[in-house]
PDB file of N, CA and C in Angstrom:
ATOM      1  N   UNK A   1      -2.963 -36.984   1.654  1.00  0.00           N
ATOM      2  CA  UNK A   1      -4.382 -36.350   0.774  1.00  0.00           C
ATOM      3  C   UNK A   1      -3.946 -35.061   0.581  1.00  0.00           C
ATOM      4  N   UNK A   2      -4.747 -34.684  -0.919  1.00  0.00           N
ATOM      5  CA  UNK A   2      -4.492 -33.842  -1.581  1.00  0.00           C
ATOM      6  C   UNK A   2      -5.585 -32.774  -1.154  1.00  0.00           C
ATOM      7  N   UNK A   3      -5.310 -31.742  -1.468  1.00  0.00           N
ATOM      8  CA  UNK A   3      -6.690 -30.745  -1.312  1.00  0.00           C
ATOM      9  C   UNK A   3      -7.994 -31.189  -2.250  1.00  0.00           C
ATOM     10  N   UNK A   4      -8.148 -31.948  -3.151  1.00  0.00           N
ATOM     11  CA  UNK A   4      -9.290 -32.379  -3.662  1.00  0.00           C
ATOM     12  C   UNK A   4     -10.127 -33.511  -2.671  1.00  0.00           C
ATOM     13  N   UNK A   5      -9.068 -34.394  -2.431  1.00  0.00           N
ATOM     14  CA  UNK A   5      -9.654 -35.246  -1.768  1.00  0.00           C
ATOM     15  C   UNK A   5     -10.393 -34.836  -0.592  1.00  0.00           C
ATOM     16  N   UNK A   6      -9.442 -33.912   0.083  1.00  0.00           N
ATOM     17  CA  UNK A   6      -9.989 -33.229   1.669  1.00  0.00           C
ATOM     18  C   UNK A   6     -11.666 -32.312   1.451  1.00  0.00           C
ATOM     19  N   UNK A   7     -11.766 -32.212   0.499  1.00  0.00           N
ATOM     20  CA  UNK A   7     -12.641 -31.253  -0.216  1.00  0.00           C
ATOM     21  C   UNK A   7     -14.565 -32.462  -0.295  1.00  0.00           C
ATOM     22  N   UNK A   8     -13.631 -33.295  -1.024  1.00  0.00           N
ATOM     23  CA  UNK A   8     -14.503 -34.717  -1.175  1.00  0.00           C
ATOM     24  C   UNK A   8     -15.159 -35.094   0.324  1.00  0.00           C
ATOM     25  N   UNK A   9     -14.168 -35.310   1.187  1.00  0.00           N
ATOM     26  CA  UNK A   9     -14.361 -35.616   2.675  1.00  0.00           C
ATOM     27  C   UNK A   9     -15.352 -35.267   3.203  1.00  0.00           C
ATOM     28  N   UNK A  10     -15.040 -33.384   3.136  1.00  0.00           N
ATOM     29  CA  UNK A  10     -15.638 -32.222   3.330  1.00  0.00           C
ATOM     30  C   UNK A  10     -17.145 -32.283   2.858  1.00  0.00           C
ATOM     31  N   UNK A  11     -17.015 -32.887   1.731  1.00  0.00           N
ATOM     32  CA  UNK A  11     -18.533 -32.558   0.906  1.00  0.00           C
ATOM     33  C   UNK A  11     -19.473 -33.900   1.519  1.00  0.00           C
ATOM     34  N   UNK A  12     -18.410 -35.407   1.522  1.00  0.00           N
ATOM     35  CA  UNK A  12     -19.487 -36.101   2.288  1.00  0.00           C
ATOM     36  C   UNK A  12     -19.690 -35.737   3.988  1.00  0.00           C
ATOM     37  N   UNK A  13     -19.053 -35.944   4.644  1.00  0.00           N
ATOM     38  CA  UNK A  13     -19.454 -35.813   5.869  1.00  0.00           C
ATOM     39  C   UNK A  13     -20.224 -34.378   6.171  1.00  0.00           C
ATOM     40  N   UNK A  14     -20.361 -33.183   5.467  1.00  0.00           N
ATOM     41  CA  UNK A  14     -21.355 -31.986   5.597  1.00  0.00           C
ATOM     42  C   UNK A  14     -22.401 -31.895   4.578  1.00  0.00           C
ATOM     43  N   UNK A  15     -22.554 -33.042   4.149  1.00  0.00           N
ATOM     44  CA  UNK A  15     -23.443 -33.314   3.338  1.00  0.00           C
ATOM     45  C   UNK A  15     -23.574 -31.973   2.860  1.00  0.00           C
ATOM     46  N   UNK A  16     -23.030 -31.457   1.797  1.00  0.00           N
ATOM     47  CA  UNK A  16     -22.795 -30.773   1.112  1.00  0.00           C
ATOM     48  C   UNK A  16     -22.126 -30.798  -0.329  1.00  0.00           C
ATOM     49  N   UNK A  17     -23.010 -30.076  -1.351  1.00  0.00           N
ATOM     50  CA  UNK A  17     -22.125 -30.540  -2.867  1.00  0.00           C
ATOM     51  C   UNK A  17     -20.493 -30.213  -2.536  1.00  0.00           C
ATOM     52  N   UNK A  18     -19.739 -30.647  -3.943  1.00  0.00           N
ATOM     53  CA  UNK A  18     -18.404 -30.315  -3.876  1.00  0.00           C
ATOM     54  C   UNK A  18     -18.137 -28.779  -3.791  1.00  0.00           C
ATOM     55  N   UNK A  19     -18.801 -28.312  -4.526  1.00  0.00           N
ATOM     56  CA  UNK A  19     -18.642 -26.601  -4.735  1.00  0.00           C
ATOM     57  C   UNK A  19     -18.555 -25.651  -3.430  1.00  0.00           C
ATOM     58  N   UNK A  20     -20.132 -26.417  -2.219  1.00  0.00           N
ATOM     59  CA  UNK A  20     -20.018 -25.764  -0.910  1.00  0.00           C
ATOM     60  C   UNK A  20     -18.413 -26.207  -0.443  1.00  0.00           C
ATOM     61  N   UNK A  21     -18.350 -27.434  -0.790  1.00  0.00           N
ATOM     62  CA  UNK A  21     -17.519 -28.158   0.209  1.00  0.00           C
ATOM     63  C   UNK A  21     -15.977 -27.460  -0.274  1.00  0.00           C
ATOM     64  N   UNK A  22     -15.512 -27.014  -1.389  1.00  0.00           N
ATOM     65  CA  UNK A  22     -14.460 -25.958  -1.813  1.00  0.00           C
ATOM     66  C   UNK A  22     -14.890 -24.558  -1.296  1.00  0.00           C
ATOM     67  N   UNK A  23     -16.102 -23.869  -1.201  1.00  0.00           N
ATOM     68  CA  UNK A  23     -15.631 -22.641  -0.773  1.00  0.00           C
ATOM     69  C   UNK A  23     -15.606 -22.892   0.511  1.00  0.00           C
ATOM     70  N   UNK A  24     -16.531 -23.762   1.413  1.00  0.00           N
ATOM     71  CA  UNK A  24     -16.005 -23.923   2.836  1.00  0.00           C
ATOM     72  C   UNK A  24     -14.772 -24.287   3.470  1.00  0.00           C
ATOM     73  N   UNK A  25     -13.765 -24.394   2.643  1.00  0.00           N
ATOM     74  CA  UNK A  25     -12.762 -25.097   2.550  1.00  0.00           C
ATOM     75  C   UNK A  25     -11.287 -23.928   2.284  1.00  0.00           C
ATOM     76  N   UNK A  26     -12.311 -23.100   1.308  1.00  0.00           N
ATOM     77  CA  UNK A  26     -11.144 -21.949   0.743  1.00  0.00           C
ATOM     78  C   UNK A  26     -11.862 -20.735   1.584  1.00  0.00           C
ATOM     79  N   UNK A  27     -12.742 -20.320   2.932  1.00  0.00           N
ATOM     80  CA  UNK A  27     -12.816 -19.577   3.564  1.00  0.00           C
ATOM     81  C   UNK A  27     -12.187 -19.684   4.672  1.00  0.00           C
ATOM     82  N   UNK A  28     -12.144 -21.432   5.261  1.00  0.00           N
ATOM     83  CA  UNK A  28     -11.477 -21.593   6.537  1.00  0.00           C
ATOM     84  C   UNK A  28      -9.877 -21.166   5.992  1.00  0.00           C
ATOM     85  N   UNK A  29      -9.132 -21.715   5.103  1.00  0.00           N
ATOM     86  CA  UNK A  29      -7.801 -21.472   4.547  1.00  0.00           C
ATOM     87  C   UNK A  29      -7.403 -20.012   4.462  1.00  0.00           C
ATOM     88  N   UNK A  30      -7.955 -19.185   3.843  1.00  0.00           N
ATOM     89  CA  UNK A  30      -8.292 -17.751   3.634  1.00  0.00           C
ATOM     90  C   UNK A  30      -7.965 -17.140   5.036  1.00  0.00           C
ATOM     91  N   UNK A  31      -9.176 -17.442   5.752  1.00  0.00           N
ATOM     92  CA  UNK A  31      -9.554 -16.688   7.168  1.00  0.00           C
ATOM     93  C   UNK A  31      -8.043 -17.301   8.064  1.00  0.00           C
ATOM     94  N   UNK A  32      -7.534 -18.266   8.335  1.00  0.00           N
ATOM     95  CA  UNK A  32      -5.941 -18.503   8.914  1.00  0.00           C
ATOM     96  C   UNK A  32      -5.310 -17.361   7.813  1.00  0.00           C
ATOM     97  N   UNK A  33      -4.952 -17.434   6.768  1.00  0.00           N
ATOM     98  CA  UNK A  33      -3.924 -16.717   6.149  1.00  0.00           C
ATOM     99  C   UNK A  33      -4.407 -15.467   7.004  1.00  0.00           C
ATOM    100  N   UNK A  34      -5.053 -14.833   6.555  1.00  0.00           N
ATOM    101  CA  UNK A  34      -5.759 -13.525   6.873  1.00  0.00           C
ATOM    102  C   UNK A  34      -5.222 -13.104   8.648  1.00  0.00           C
ATOM    103  N   UNK A  35      -5.378 -14.015   9.517  1.00  0.00           N
ATOM    104  CA  UNK A  35      -5.209 -13.598  10.924  1.00  0.00           C
ATOM    105  C   UNK A  35      -3.842 -13.800  11.015  1.00  0.00           C
ATOM    106  N   UNK A  36      -2.953 -14.849  10.020  1.00  0.00           N
ATOM    107  CA  UNK A  36      -1.822 -14.823  10.160  1.00  0.00           C
ATOM    108  C   UNK A  36      -0.668 -13.691   9.853  1.00  0.00           C
ATOM    109  N   UNK A  37      -1.326 -13.440   8.744  1.00  0.00           N
ATOM    110  CA  UNK A  37      -0.487 -11.879   8.378  1.00  0.00           C
ATOM    111  C   UNK A  37      -0.660 -10.817   9.063  1.00  0.00           C
ATOM    112  N   UNK A  38      -2.262 -10.646   9.963  1.00  0.00           N
ATOM    113  CA  UNK A  38      -2.048  -9.845  10.599  1.00  0.00           C
ATOM    114  C   UNK A  38      -1.254  -9.892  11.611  1.00  0.00           C
ATOM    115  N   UNK A  39      -0.702 -10.957  12.148  1.00  0.00           N
ATOM    116  CA  UNK A  39       0.028 -11.545  13.670  1.00  0.00           C
ATOM    117  C   UNK A  39      -0.569 -11.959  14.352  1.00  0.00           C
ATOM    118  N   UNK A  40      -1.995 -12.294  14.013  1.00  0.00           N
ATOM    119  CA  UNK A  40      -2.539 -13.045  15.433  1.00  0.00           C
ATOM    120  C   UNK A  40      -2.377 -13.936  14.854  1.00  0.00           C
ATOM    121  N   UNK A  41      -2.449 -15.352  16.242  1.00  0.00           N
ATOM    122  CA  UNK A  41      -2.339 -16.534  16.538  1.00  0.00           C
ATOM    123  C   UNK A  41      -3.924 -16.437  16.412  1.00  0.00           C
ATOM    124  N   UNK A  42      -4.186 -17.826  15.980  1.00  0.00           N
ATOM    125  CA  UNK A  42      -5.032 -18.629  15.881  1.00  0.00           C
ATOM    126  C   UNK A  42      -5.168 -20.022  16.504  1.00  0.00           C
ATOM    127  N   UNK A  43      -6.191 -20.276  17.593  1.00  0.00           N
ATOM    128  CA  UNK A  43      -6.200 -21.373  17.838  1.00  0.00           C
ATOM    129  C   UNK A  43      -7.294 -21.829  18.233  1.00  0.00           C
ATOM    130  N   UNK A  44      -7.552 -23.360  17.525  1.00  0.00           N
ATOM    131  CA  UNK A  44      -8.850 -24.473  17.173  1.00  0.00           C
ATOM    132  C   UNK A  44      -8.252 -25.064  17.785  1.00  0.00           C
ATOM    133  N   UNK A  45      -9.413 -25.120  18.552  1.00  0.00           N
ATOM    134  CA  UNK A  45     -10.118 -26.598  20.031  1.00  0.00           C
ATOM    135  C   UNK A  45      -9.592 -27.504  19.591  1.00  0.00           C
ATOM    136  N   UNK A  46      -8.986 -28.546  19.892  1.00  0.00           N
ATOM    137  CA  UNK A  46      -8.852 -29.915  19.356  1.00  0.00           C
ATOM    138  C   UNK A  46      -7.936 -30.602  18.243  1.00  0.00           C
ATOM    139  N   UNK A  47      -7.513 -29.179  17.760  1.00  0.00           N
ATOM    140  CA  UNK A  47      -6.203 -28.972  16.954  1.00  0.00           C
ATOM    141  C   UNK A  47      -5.286 -28.336  16.716  1.00  0.00           C
ATOM    142  N   UNK A  48      -4.946 -27.251  17.308  1.00  0.00           N
ATOM    143  CA  UNK A  48      -3.775 -26.651  17.736  1.00  0.00           C
ATOM    144  C   UNK A  48      -3.991 -25.311  17.275  1.00  0.00           C
ATOM    145  N   UNK A  49      -2.594 -24.685  17.365  1.00  0.00           N
ATOM    146  CA  UNK A  49      -2.531 -23.169  17.897  1.00  0.00           C
ATOM    147  C   UNK A  49      -1.866 -22.930  16.324  1.00  0.00           C
ATOM    148  N   UNK A  50      -1.977 -21.911  15.301  1.00  0.00           N
ATOM    149  CA  UNK A  50      -1.302 -21.830  14.231  1.00  0.00           C
ATOM    150  C   UNK A  50      -1.090 -20.179  14.641  1.00  0.00           C
ATOM    151  N   UNK A  51       0.758 -19.860  14.809  1.00  0.00           N
ATOM    152  CA  UNK A  51       1.365 -19.016  14.928  1.00  0.00           C
ATOM    153  C   UNK A  51       2.029 -18.200  14.244  1.00  0.00           C
ATOM    154  N   UNK A  52       2.887 -17.112  14.453  1.00  0.00           N
ATOM    155  CA  UNK A  52       3.605 -16.604  13.214  1.00  0.00           C
ATOM    156  C   UNK A  52       4.909 -16.409  14.333  1.00  0.00           C
ATOM    157  N   UNK A  53       6.207 -16.639  14.183  1.00  0.00           N
ATOM    158  CA  UNK A  53       7.395 -16.012  15.072  1.00  0.00           C
ATOM    159  C   UNK A  53       8.282 -15.675  13.445  1.00  0.00           C
ATOM    160  N   UNK A  54       9.579 -14.798  14.476  1.00  0.00           N
ATOM    161  CA  UNK A  54       9.969 -13.456  13.563  1.00  0.00           C
ATOM    162  C   UNK A  54      11.333 -14.419  14.007  1.00  0.00           C
ATOM    163  N   UNK A  55      12.053 -14.614  12.817  1.00  0.00           N
ATOM    164  CA  UNK A  55      13.293 -15.200  12.803  1.00  0.00           C
ATOM    165  C   UNK A  55      14.125 -14.231  12.318  1.00  0.00           C
ATOM    166  N   UNK A  56      15.381 -14.037  12.886  1.00  0.00           N
ATOM    167  CA  UNK A  56      16.454 -13.097  12.717  1.00  0.00           C
ATOM    168  C   UNK A  56      17.629 -13.729  11.730  1.00  0.00           C
ATOM    169  N   UNK A  57      17.470 -12.602  10.989  1.00  0.00           N
ATOM    170  CA  UNK A  57      18.568 -12.655  10.157  1.00  0.00           C
ATOM    171  C   UNK A  57      19.727 -13.296  10.705  1.00  0.00           C
ATOM    172  N   UNK A  58      20.599 -14.437   9.585  1.00  0.00           N
ATOM    173  CA  UNK A  58      21.629 -14.974   9.969  1.00  0.00           C
ATOM    174  C   UNK A  58      22.432 -14.858   9.201  1.00  0.00           C
ATOM    175  N   UNK A  59      23.489 -15.414   9.039  1.00  0.00           N
ATOM    176  CA  UNK A  59      24.970 -16.060   8.453  1.00  0.00           C
ATOM    177  C   UNK A  59      24.450 -17.353   8.065  1.00  0.00           C
ATOM    178  N   UNK A  60      24.622 -17.660   6.610  1.00  0.00           N
ATOM    179  CA  UNK A  60      24.330 -19.099   5.886  1.00  0.00           C
ATOM    180  C   UNK A  60      25.742 -19.279   5.381  1.00  0.00           C
ATOM    181  N   UNK A  61      25.881 -20.752   4.687  1.00  0.00           N
ATOM    182  CA  UNK A  61      26.376 -21.201   3.882  1.00  0.00           C
ATOM    183  C   UNK A  61      26.249 -21.800   2.535  1.00  0.00           C
ATOM    184  N   UNK A  62      26.299 -21.247   1.686  1.00  0.00           N
ATOM    185  CA  UNK A  62      25.903 -21.993   0.015  1.00  0.00           C
ATOM    186  C   UNK A  62      26.590 -23.549   0.286  1.00  0.00           C
ATOM    187  N   UNK A  63      25.772 -24.290   0.048  1.00  0.00           N
ATOM    188  CA  UNK A  63      26.166 -25.817   0.188  1.00  0.00           C
ATOM    189  C   UNK A  63      26.999 -26.271  -1.108  1.00  0.00           C
ATOM    190  N   UNK A  64      26.762 -25.790  -2.190  1.00  0.00           N
ATOM    191  CA  UNK A  64      27.591 -25.989  -3.896  1.00  0.00           C
ATOM    192  C   UNK A  64      28.854 -25.608  -3.620  1.00  0.00           C
ATOM    193  N   UNK A  65      29.042 -23.908  -2.719  1.00  0.00           N
ATOM    194  CA  UNK A  65      30.543 -23.701  -3.193  1.00  0.00           C
ATOM    195  C   UNK A  65      31.305 -22.962  -1.841  1.00  0.00           C
ATOM    196  N   UNK A  66      30.484 -23.186  -0.049  1.00  0.00           N
ATOM    197  CA  UNK A  66      30.860 -22.853   0.848  1.00  0.00           C
ATOM    198  C   UNK A  66      31.073 -21.782   1.071  1.00  0.00           C
ATOM    199  N   UNK A  67      30.020 -20.782  -0.309  1.00  0.00           N
ATOM    200  CA  UNK A  67      30.328 -19.311   0.064  1.00  0.00           C
ATOM    201  C   UNK A  67      29.534 -19.186   1.305  1.00  0.00           C
ATOM    202  N   UNK A  68      29.623 -18.144   2.083  1.00  0.00           N
ATOM    203  CA  UNK A  68      29.028 -17.300   3.304  1.00  0.00           C
ATOM    204  C   UNK A  68      28.121 -16.380   2.623  1.00  0.00           C
ATOM    205  N   UNK A  69      26.753 -16.501   3.153  1.00  0.00           N
ATOM    206  CA  UNK A  69      25.543 -15.990   2.940  1.00  0.00           C
ATOM    207  C   UNK A  69      25.255 -15.363   4.034  1.00  0.00           C
ATOM    208  N   UNK A  70      24.131 -13.736   3.726  1.00  0.00           N
ATOM    209  CA  UNK A  70      23.455 -13.506   4.526  1.00  0.00           C
ATOM    210  C   UNK A  70      22.074 -13.587   4.016  1.00  0.00           C
ATOM    211  N   UNK A  71      21.565 -14.484   5.409  1.00  0.00           N
ATOM    212  CA  UNK A  71      19.752 -14.908   5.484  1.00  0.00           C
ATOM    213  C   UNK A  71      19.036 -13.776   5.725  1.00  0.00           C
ATOM    214  N   UNK A  72      18.315 -12.764   5.240  1.00  0.00           N
ATOM    215  CA  UNK A  72      17.854 -11.877   6.039  1.00  0.00           C
ATOM    216  C   UNK A  72      16.496 -12.616   6.694  1.00  0.00           C
ATOM    217  N   UNK A  73      16.658 -11.788   7.948  1.00  0.00           N
ATOM    218  CA  UNK A  73      14.967 -11.981   8.661  1.00  0.00           C
ATOM    219  C   UNK A  73      13.890 -12.132   7.630  1.00  0.00           C
ATOM    220  N   UNK A  74      13.136 -13.058   8.582  1.00  0.00           N
ATOM    221  CA  UNK A  74      11.669 -13.560   8.335  1.00  0.00           C
ATOM    222  C   UNK A  74      10.669 -13.409   9.255  1.00  0.00           C
ATOM    223  N   UNK A  75       9.504 -13.846   8.857  1.00  0.00           N
ATOM    224  CA  UNK A  75       8.454 -14.432   9.836  1.00  0.00           C
ATOM    225  C   UNK A  75       7.978 -15.884   8.904  1.00  0.00           C
ATOM    226  N   UNK A  76       7.853 -16.441   9.731  1.00  0.00           N
ATOM    227  CA  UNK A  76       7.694 -18.341   9.768  1.00  0.00           C
ATOM    228  C   UNK A  76       6.077 -18.208  10.170  1.00  0.00           C
ATOM    229  N   UNK A  77       5.396 -19.187   9.831  1.00  0.00           N
ATOM    230  CA  UNK A  77       4.211 -19.823  10.161  1.00  0.00           C
ATOM    231  C   UNK A  77       4.874 -21.067  11.470  1.00  0.00           C
ATOM    232  N   UNK A  78       3.727 -21.250  12.501  1.00  0.00           N
ATOM    233  CA  UNK A  78       4.333 -22.381  13.235  1.00  0.00           C
ATOM    234  C   UNK A  78       3.110 -22.455  13.858  1.00  0.00           C
ATOM    235  N   UNK A  79       2.852 -24.314  13.708  1.00  0.00           N
ATOM    236  CA  UNK A  79       1.748 -25.039  13.965  1.00  0.00           C
ATOM    237  C   UNK A  79       2.154 -25.945  15.849  1.00  0.00           C
ATOM    238  N   UNK A  80       1.253 -25.574  16.154  1.00  0.00           N
ATOM    239  CA  UNK A  80       1.796 -26.838  17.526  1.00  0.00           C
ATOM    240  C   UNK A  80       0.059 -27.334  17.843  1.00  0.00           C
ATOM    241  N   UNK A  81       0.206 -28.814  17.664  1.00  0.00           N
ATOM    242  CA  UNK A  81      -0.616 -29.826  17.556  1.00  0.00           C
ATOM    243  C   UNK A  81      -1.181 -29.453  19.264  1.00  0.00           C
ATOM    244  N   UNK A  82      -2.729 -29.681  19.298  1.00  0.00           N
ATOM    245  CA  UNK A  82      -3.341 -29.437  20.336  1.00  0.00           C
ATOM    246  C   UNK A  82      -2.859 -30.803  20.948  1.00  0.00           C
ATOM    247  N   UNK A  83      -3.281 -31.107  22.089  1.00  0.00           N
ATOM    248  CA  UNK A  83      -3.071 -32.402  23.096  1.00  0.00           C
ATOM    249  C   UNK A  83      -3.899 -34.242  22.887  1.00  0.00           C
ATOM    250  N   UNK A  84      -5.306 -33.449  22.272  1.00  0.00           N
ATOM    251  CA  UNK A  84      -5.609 -34.590  21.511  1.00  0.00           C
ATOM    252  C   UNK A  84      -5.608 -34.986  20.800  1.00  0.00           C
ATOM    253  N   UNK A  85      -4.943 -34.247  19.458  1.00  0.00           N
ATOM    254  CA  UNK A  85      -4.644 -34.351  18.309  1.00  0.00           C
ATOM    255  C   UNK A  85      -3.088 -35.237  18.328  1.00  0.00           C
ATOM    256  N   UNK A  86      -2.239 -34.507  19.127  1.00  0.00           N
ATOM    257  CA  UNK A  86      -1.105 -35.437  19.814  1.00  0.00           C
ATOM    258  C   UNK A  86      -1.390 -36.848  19.934  1.00  0.00           C
ATOM    259  N   UNK A  87      -2.428 -37.144  20.616  1.00  0.00           N
ATOM    260  CA  UNK A  87      -2.839 -37.953  21.566  1.00  0.00           C
ATOM    261  C   UNK A  87      -3.434 -39.490  20.236  1.00  0.00           C
ATOM    262  N   UNK A  88      -4.143 -38.572  19.465  1.00  0.00           N
ATOM    263  CA  UNK A  88      -4.617 -39.659  17.995  1.00  0.00           C
ATOM    264  C   UNK A  88      -3.355 -40.055  17.647  1.00  0.00           C
ATOM    265  N   UNK A  89      -2.846 -39.025  16.840  1.00  0.00           N
ATOM    266  CA  UNK A  89      -1.607 -39.846  16.332  1.00  0.00           C
ATOM    267  C   UNK A  89      -1.049 -40.266  16.280  1.00  0.00           C
ATOM    268  N   UNK A  90      -0.695 -40.326  17.550  1.00  0.00           N
ATOM    269  CA  UNK A  90       0.745 -41.425  18.266  1.00  0.00           C
ATOM    270  C   UNK A  90      -0.044 -42.833  18.912  1.00  0.00           C
ATOM    271  N   UNK A  91      -1.851 -42.809  18.730  1.00  0.00           N
ATOM    272  CA  UNK A  91      -1.939 -43.876  19.345  1.00  0.00           C
ATOM    273  C   UNK A  91      -2.430 -43.609  20.724  1.00  0.00           C
TER     274      UNK A  91
END
């Protein structure tokens, strides 16, 4: 499913226009991104938890040349699904 299909589904299920559904989706995704940018976890009951983890810098290899390279430290978004979502996906 892509964004356009998700907006259409939100509009249909929420009895709203496509423009309103798009604004609602933008508000949700923007709020999630804002929370994670501040380093705060976000828990949505029934969906899961979004969190930011810190990865240490490390050494890696360039797969083409085999040359050793330094991979810098970074922050990565992690998603842990809720029990209900896991069960729904797995049947």
